[in-house]
Amino acid sequence: VMTYRTLVVVGNAQGAGGFGMGRGANPAEAVARGIRSAKKNLVVVDRFKNAGLVHTVEGRHNNCKVVLRAVPPGYGMKGSRTAKAVLTQMGISDCTAKAHGRRNPFSVVRAIFKALARHQSLAQIARLRGRRIVELEWRR
């Protein structure tokens, strides 16, 4: 008996997304199960100026380490096709992604979502430091 396995990433291109695995007797069934699973694992990210990350984050899964670096607005997306696809679904258009170690698609996607789950917004960082946000501009 032949079965299909899919890795599905869903997102609304406005900072929310998730991923899931699906197995089924045919590809359509596997994708449908993957989408259902992905909707249960949603991660919400506060984006910097609706395009990028506020700070650099790192995520690990097994032997895969993914570093998502914050870059100035308008820089664009640099990284592997897998990372670009995931971050585009999340609505992140200014970012640099680098994967180290085992780079199979499941490990990379899982590590990216672990990194995004650790991402903090400007308001959260200011609250932790006991500061107020007046105006934040990108400094080189």
C-alpha atoms as a PDB file:
ATOM      1  CA  VAL A   1       0.000   0.000   0.000  1.00  0.00           C
ATOM      2  CA  MET A   2       1.415   3.329  -1.049  1.00  0.00           C
ATOM      3  CA  THR A   3       0.947   6.395   1.166  1.00  0.00           C
ATOM      4  CA  TYR A   4       1.878  10.024   0.661  1.00  0.00           C
ATOM      5  CA  ARG A   5       3.354  12.337   3.253  1.00  0.00           C
ATOM      6  CA  THR A   6       3.255  16.128   2.968  1.00  0.00           C
ATOM      7  CA  LEU A   7       4.739  19.032   4.883  1.00  0.00           C
ATOM      8  CA  VAL A   8       2.301  21.968   4.723  1.00  0.00           C
ATOM      9  CA  VAL A   9       2.892  25.588   5.752  1.00  0.00           C
ATOM     10  CA  VAL A  10      -0.076  27.947   6.077  1.00  0.00           C
ATOM     11  CA  GLY A  11      -0.079  31.685   6.731  1.00  0.00           C
ATOM     12  CA  ASN A  12      -2.089  34.849   6.271  1.00  0.00           C
ATOM     13  CA  ALA A  13       0.893  37.008   5.129  1.00  0.00           C
ATOM     14  CA  GLN A  14       0.215  39.334   8.086  1.00  0.00           C
ATOM     15  CA  GLY A  15       2.297  37.715  10.811  1.00  0.00           C
ATOM     16  CA  ALA A  16       0.426  34.476  11.538  1.00  0.00           C
ATOM     17  CA  GLY A  17       1.274  31.014  10.274  1.00  0.00           C
ATOM     18  CA  GLY A  18       1.731  27.373  11.125  1.00  0.00           C
ATOM     19  CA  PHE A  19       2.971  24.077   9.760  1.00  0.00           C
ATOM     20  CA  GLY A  20       1.768  20.493   9.827  1.00  0.00           C
ATOM     21  CA  MET A  21       2.389  17.020   8.496  1.00  0.00           C
ATOM     22  CA  GLY A  22      -0.224  15.009   6.646  1.00  0.00           C
ATOM     23  CA  ARG A  23      -0.373  11.406   5.490  1.00  0.00           C
ATOM     24  CA  GLY A  24      -2.913   9.877   3.197  1.00  0.00           C
ATOM     25  CA  ALA A  25      -3.667   7.345   0.506  1.00  0.00           C
ATOM     26  CA  ASN A  26      -3.526  10.045  -2.172  1.00  0.00           C
ATOM     27  CA  PRO A  27      -1.804  13.464  -2.356  1.00  0.00           C
ATOM     28  CA  ALA A  28      -5.014  15.478  -1.964  1.00  0.00           C
ATOM     29  CA  GLU A  29      -5.923  13.654   1.250  1.00  0.00           C
ATOM     30  CA  ALA A  30      -2.395  14.111   2.627  1.00  0.00           C
ATOM     31  CA  VAL A  31      -2.476  17.857   1.894  1.00  0.00           C
ATOM     32  CA  ALA A  32      -5.924  18.227   3.494  1.00  0.00           C
ATOM     33  CA  ARG A  33      -4.712  16.497   6.674  1.00  0.00           C
ATOM     34  CA  GLY A  34      -1.565  18.625   6.656  1.00  0.00           C
ATOM     35  CA  ILE A  35      -3.606  21.832   6.421  1.00  0.00           C
ATOM     36  CA  ARG A  36      -5.800  20.726   9.346  1.00  0.00           C
ATOM     37  CA  SER A  37      -2.684  19.976  11.390  1.00  0.00           C
ATOM     38  CA  ALA A  38      -1.052  23.289  10.411  1.00  0.00           C
ATOM     39  CA  LYS A  39      -4.066  25.305  11.563  1.00  0.00           C
ATOM     40  CA  LYS A  40      -3.676  23.782  15.037  1.00  0.00           C
ATOM     41  CA  ASN A  41      -0.028  24.949  15.364  1.00  0.00           C
ATOM     42  CA  LEU A  42      -0.298  28.682  14.687  1.00  0.00           C
ATOM     43  CA  VAL A  43       2.449  31.137  15.635  1.00  0.00           C
ATOM     44  CA  VAL A  44       1.870  34.910  15.638  1.00  0.00           C
ATOM     45  CA  VAL A  45       4.799  37.272  15.010  1.00  0.00           C
ATOM     46  CA  ASP A  46       4.817  41.051  15.497  1.00  0.00           C
ATOM     47  CA  ARG A  47       6.651  42.379  12.466  1.00  0.00           C
ATOM     48  CA  PHE A  48       8.876  45.480  12.382  1.00  0.00           C
ATOM     49  CA  LYS A  49       7.195  48.046  10.096  1.00  0.00           C
ATOM     50  CA  ASN A  50       4.988  45.218   8.755  1.00  0.00           C
ATOM     51  CA  ALA A  51       7.906  43.682   6.876  1.00  0.00           C
ATOM     52  CA  GLY A  52      10.756  42.356   9.020  1.00  0.00           C
ATOM     53  CA  LEU A  53      11.933  41.098  12.368  1.00  0.00           C
ATOM     54  CA  VAL A  54      12.712  43.312  15.364  1.00  0.00           C
ATOM     55  CA  HIS A  55      15.774  41.322  16.433  1.00  0.00           C
ATOM     56  CA  THR A  56      17.810  38.279  15.424  1.00  0.00           C
ATOM     57  CA  VAL A  57      16.424  34.935  16.606  1.00  0.00           C
ATOM     58  CA  GLU A  58      17.718  31.373  16.572  1.00  0.00           C
ATOM     59  CA  GLY A  59      15.848  28.074  16.566  1.00  0.00           C
ATOM     60  CA  ARG A  60      16.997  24.478  16.806  1.00  0.00           C
ATOM     61  CA  HIS A  61      15.457  21.145  15.928  1.00  0.00           C
ATOM     62  CA  ASN A  62      17.538  17.966  16.229  1.00  0.00           C
ATOM     63  CA  ASN A  63      20.821  18.812  14.504  1.00  0.00           C
ATOM     64  CA  CYS A  64      19.433  21.753  12.521  1.00  0.00           C
ATOM     65  CA  LYS A  65      20.074  25.309  13.672  1.00  0.00           C
ATOM     66  CA  VAL A  66      18.378  28.206  11.866  1.00  0.00           C
ATOM     67  CA  VAL A  67      19.384  31.831  12.415  1.00  0.00           C
ATOM     68  CA  LEU A  68      16.907  34.507  11.302  1.00  0.00           C
ATOM     69  CA  ARG A  69      18.694  37.852  11.183  1.00  0.00           C
ATOM     70  CA  ALA A  70      16.937  41.200  11.373  1.00  0.00           C
ATOM     71  CA  VAL A  71      17.862  43.486   8.474  1.00  0.00           C
ATOM     72  CA  PRO A  72      16.965  47.090   7.539  1.00  0.00           C
ATOM     73  CA  PRO A  73      13.595  47.711   5.859  1.00  0.00           C
ATOM     74  CA  GLY A  74      13.783  47.254   2.095  1.00  0.00           C
ATOM     75  CA  TYR A  75      16.698  44.788   2.273  1.00  0.00           C
ATOM     76  CA  GLY A  76      14.673  41.867   0.940  1.00  0.00           C
ATOM     77  CA  MET A  77      14.810  38.159   1.591  1.00  0.00           C
ATOM     78  CA  LYS A  78      18.008  36.114   1.554  1.00  0.00           C
ATOM     79  CA  GLY A  79      18.202  32.414   2.336  1.00  0.00           C
ATOM     80  CA  SER A  80      17.186  28.976   1.137  1.00  0.00           C
ATOM     81  CA  ARG A  81      14.027  28.321  -0.867  1.00  0.00           C
ATOM     82  CA  THR A  82      12.459  26.561   2.120  1.00  0.00           C
ATOM     83  CA  ALA A  83      13.111  29.497   4.452  1.00  0.00           C
ATOM     84  CA  LYS A  84      11.889  32.024   1.874  1.00  0.00           C
ATOM     85  CA  ALA A  85       8.648  30.097   1.367  1.00  0.00           C
ATOM     86  CA  VAL A  86       7.925  29.859   5.108  1.00  0.00           C
ATOM     87  CA  LEU A  87       8.761  33.502   5.841  1.00  0.00           C
ATOM     88  CA  THR A  88       6.744  34.733   2.846  1.00  0.00           C
ATOM     89  CA  GLN A  89       3.705  32.837   4.143  1.00  0.00           C
ATOM     90  CA  MET A  90       4.220  34.588   7.501  1.00  0.00           C
ATOM     91  CA  GLY A  91       4.363  38.014   5.810  1.00  0.00           C
ATOM     92  CA  ILE A  92       8.038  38.654   6.557  1.00  0.00           C
ATOM     93  CA  SER A  93       9.727  40.227   3.536  1.00  0.00           C
ATOM     94  CA  ASP A  94      12.952  41.656   5.070  1.00  0.00           C
ATOM     95  CA  CYS A  95      15.051  38.897   6.636  1.00  0.00           C
ATOM     96  CA  THR A  96      18.175  36.809   6.209  1.00  0.00           C
ATOM     97  CA  ALA A  97      17.948  33.095   7.033  1.00  0.00           C
ATOM     98  CA  LYS A  98      20.847  30.688   7.488  1.00  0.00           C
ATOM     99  CA  ALA A  99      20.530  26.984   8.284  1.00  0.00           C
ATOM    100  CA  HIS A 100      23.367  24.954   9.799  1.00  0.00           C
ATOM    101  CA  GLY A 101      23.627  21.190  10.283  1.00  0.00           C
ATOM    102  CA  ARG A 102      20.943  18.821   9.040  1.00  0.00           C
ATOM    103  CA  ARG A 103      18.937  20.682   6.422  1.00  0.00           C
ATOM    104  CA  ASN A 104      16.090  18.396   5.468  1.00  0.00           C
ATOM    105  CA  PRO A 105      12.859  20.348   4.942  1.00  0.00           C
ATOM    106  CA  PHE A 106      11.068  19.157   8.094  1.00  0.00           C
ATOM    107  CA  SER A 107      13.982  20.054  10.393  1.00  0.00           C
ATOM    108  CA  VAL A 108      14.409  23.481   8.767  1.00  0.00           C
ATOM    109  CA  VAL A 109      10.697  24.341   8.979  1.00  0.00           C
ATOM    110  CA  ARG A 110      10.457  23.142  12.588  1.00  0.00           C
ATOM    111  CA  ALA A 111      13.556  25.176  13.548  1.00  0.00           C
ATOM    112  CA  ILE A 112      12.176  28.296  11.801  1.00  0.00           C
ATOM    113  CA  PHE A 113       8.912  28.075  13.745  1.00  0.00           C
ATOM    114  CA  LYS A 114      10.784  27.529  17.016  1.00  0.00           C
ATOM    115  CA  ALA A 115      12.810  30.674  16.243  1.00  0.00           C
ATOM    116  CA  LEU A 116       9.690  32.691  15.363  1.00  0.00           C
ATOM    117  CA  ALA A 117       8.031  31.569  18.609  1.00  0.00           C
ATOM    118  CA  ARG A 118      10.930  33.172  20.530  1.00  0.00           C
ATOM    119  CA  HIS A 119      10.600  36.488  18.678  1.00  0.00           C
ATOM    120  CA  GLN A 120       9.531  39.455  20.834  1.00  0.00           C
ATOM    121  CA  SER A 121       7.811  42.664  19.784  1.00  0.00           C
ATOM    122  CA  LEU A 122       9.188  46.148  20.463  1.00  0.00           C
ATOM    123  CA  ALA A 123       6.601  46.629  23.221  1.00  0.00           C
ATOM    124  CA  GLN A 124       7.648  43.402  24.962  1.00  0.00           C
ATOM    125  CA  ILE A 125      11.336  44.332  24.808  1.00  0.00           C
ATOM    126  CA  ALA A 126      10.631  47.842  26.136  1.00  0.00           C
ATOM    127  CA  ARG A 127       8.541  46.414  28.989  1.00  0.00           C
ATOM    128  CA  LEU A 128      11.346  44.003  29.944  1.00  0.00           C
ATOM    129  CA  ARG A 129      13.896  46.841  29.955  1.00  0.00           C
ATOM    130  CA  GLY A 130      11.610  49.257  31.777  1.00  0.00           C
ATOM    131  CA  ARG A 131      11.730  51.807  28.944  1.00  0.00           C
ATOM    132  CA  ARG A 132       9.189  53.612  26.783  1.00  0.00           C
ATOM    133  CA  ILE A 133       9.108  53.533  23.005  1.00  0.00           C
ATOM    134  CA  VAL A 134       9.103  57.051  21.599  1.00  0.00           C
ATOM    135  CA  GLU A 135      10.398  56.544  18.082  1.00  0.00           C
ATOM    136  CA  LEU A 136      12.535  53.752  16.745  1.00  0.00           C
ATOM    137  CA  GLU A 137      14.477  54.141  13.519  1.00  0.00           C
ATOM    138  CA  TRP A 138      16.851  51.610  12.032  1.00  0.00           C
ATOM    139  CA  ARG A 139      20.466  52.470  12.798  1.00  0.00           C
ATOM    140  CA  ARG A 140      23.395  51.102  10.851  1.00  0.00           C
END
